[in-house]
Amino acid sequence: MTTLNMFLFHLNSISPYIQFTMEIEIDKSLPFLEVLISQKIDGSLTHQVYHKNTHTDQYIHAHYHHNSSQKSVVLKTLISQTLETYAPHEFLPSEKADIF
């Protein structure tokens, strides 16, 4: 067991109510929150929107019988998350299509 795994085991043994997970770098990329941080060949870093494999891209459908404020907050949240992650000129084409 590596030192890192031993530390994670120690953290998770402190309380049964709080359990930690850890992400491992794969192919010089590391997911952090909703951003995938990658290292280029020259050593510089780049980032893009990251969704877990279990992400379904399903939100509240426009024709469902939810309050209009609930529907609008989903859109506002997606836009604000994107704007906080990227400057407007850095949008990925796939993210533009999903939001705009």
Protein backbone atom coordinates (compact mmCIF):
# COMPACT_ATOMS: atom_id res chain seq x y z
CA MET A 1 0.00 0.00 0.00
CA THR A 2 1.41 3.38 -1.01
CA THR A 3 1.85 6.24 1.43
CA LEU A 4 -0.94 8.14 -0.32
CA ASN A 5 -3.34 5.20 0.03
CA MET A 6 -2.36 4.80 3.69
CA PHE A 7 -3.14 8.49 4.29
CA LEU A 8 -6.55 8.12 2.58
CA PHE A 9 -7.24 5.02 4.69
CA HIS A 10 -6.31 6.99 7.83
CA LEU A 11 -8.61 9.89 6.90
CA ASN A 12 -11.52 7.53 6.25
CA SER A 13 -10.97 5.71 9.55
CA ILE A 14 -11.50 8.89 11.60
CA SER A 15 -15.26 9.06 11.15
CA PRO A 16 -17.76 6.74 9.46
CA TYR A 17 -19.85 9.78 8.50
CA ILE A 18 -17.20 11.50 6.37
CA GLN A 19 -15.48 9.48 3.67
CA PHE A 20 -12.93 10.89 1.25
CA THR A 21 -12.06 9.81 -2.26
CA MET A 22 -9.02 10.56 -4.35
CA GLU A 23 -8.45 11.09 -8.04
CA ILE A 24 -5.33 9.71 -9.68
CA GLU A 25 -3.60 11.38 -12.61
CA ILE A 26 -4.17 9.46 -15.84
CA ASP A 27 -2.33 10.39 -19.05
CA LYS A 28 -1.11 13.65 -17.49
CA SER A 29 -4.71 14.70 -16.75
CA LEU A 30 -6.44 15.18 -13.41
CA PRO A 31 -10.12 15.97 -12.85
CA PHE A 32 -10.78 18.62 -10.20
CA LEU A 33 -14.38 19.59 -9.47
CA GLU A 34 -15.87 20.07 -12.96
CA VAL A 35 -12.58 20.86 -14.71
CA LEU A 36 -10.09 18.47 -16.31
CA ILE A 37 -6.58 19.86 -15.92
CA SER A 38 -4.07 18.46 -18.43
CA GLN A 39 -0.35 18.95 -18.93
CA LYS A 40 0.83 19.62 -22.48
CA ILE A 41 4.08 18.29 -23.93
CA ASP A 42 5.80 21.65 -23.25
CA GLY A 43 4.83 21.43 -19.57
CA SER A 44 2.12 24.10 -19.67
CA LEU A 45 -1.36 23.37 -18.33
CA THR A 46 -4.67 23.43 -20.14
CA HIS A 47 -8.21 22.88 -18.90
CA GLN A 48 -11.60 21.84 -20.18
CA VAL A 49 -15.02 21.04 -18.80
CA TYR A 50 -15.09 17.62 -17.14
CA HIS A 51 -18.06 15.36 -16.59
CA LYS A 52 -17.87 12.02 -14.83
CA ASN A 53 -18.77 8.88 -16.77
CA THR A 54 -22.06 8.76 -14.88
CA HIS A 55 -23.09 12.27 -16.03
CA THR A 56 -26.28 11.95 -18.12
CA ASP A 57 -26.64 15.51 -19.52
CA GLN A 58 -30.24 15.38 -18.35
CA TYR A 59 -31.77 18.38 -16.64
CA ILE A 60 -35.35 19.53 -16.14
CA HIS A 61 -37.18 19.22 -19.47
CA ALA A 62 -38.85 22.43 -20.66
CA HIS A 63 -42.26 20.76 -20.93
CA TYR A 64 -42.23 19.14 -17.49
CA HIS A 65 -44.59 20.59 -14.94
CA HIS A 66 -42.04 22.34 -12.76
CA ASN A 67 -42.21 25.90 -11.61
CA SER A 68 -40.66 28.24 -14.19
CA SER A 69 -38.23 29.55 -11.55
CA GLN A 70 -36.88 25.99 -11.09
CA LYS A 71 -36.36 25.67 -14.84
CA SER A 72 -34.63 29.02 -15.13
CA VAL A 73 -32.27 28.36 -12.21
CA VAL A 74 -30.92 25.26 -14.00
CA LEU A 75 -30.01 27.39 -17.01
CA LYS A 76 -28.57 30.15 -14.82
CA THR A 77 -26.43 27.62 -12.95
CA LEU A 78 -25.03 26.10 -16.16
CA ILE A 79 -24.19 29.54 -17.53
CA SER A 80 -22.59 30.80 -14.31
CA GLN A 81 -20.49 27.63 -13.92
CA THR A 82 -19.24 28.02 -17.47
CA LEU A 83 -18.49 31.72 -17.07
CA GLU A 84 -16.60 31.07 -13.83
CA THR A 85 -14.52 28.34 -15.46
CA TYR A 86 -13.82 30.01 -18.82
CA ALA A 87 -13.40 33.47 -20.24
CA PRO A 88 -16.02 34.00 -22.99
CA HIS A 89 -13.47 33.52 -25.78
CA GLU A 90 -12.34 30.16 -24.36
CA PHE A 91 -15.66 28.30 -24.66
CA LEU A 92 -15.38 24.89 -26.18
CA PRO A 93 -17.71 24.35 -29.15
CA SER A 94 -19.49 21.51 -27.33
CA GLU A 95 -20.13 23.68 -24.28
CA LYS A 96 -21.44 26.55 -26.40
CA ALA A 97 -23.92 24.19 -28.01
CA ASP A 98 -25.10 22.90 -24.62
CA ILE A 99 -25.59 26.32 -23.07
CA PHE A 100 -26.32 28.79 -25.84
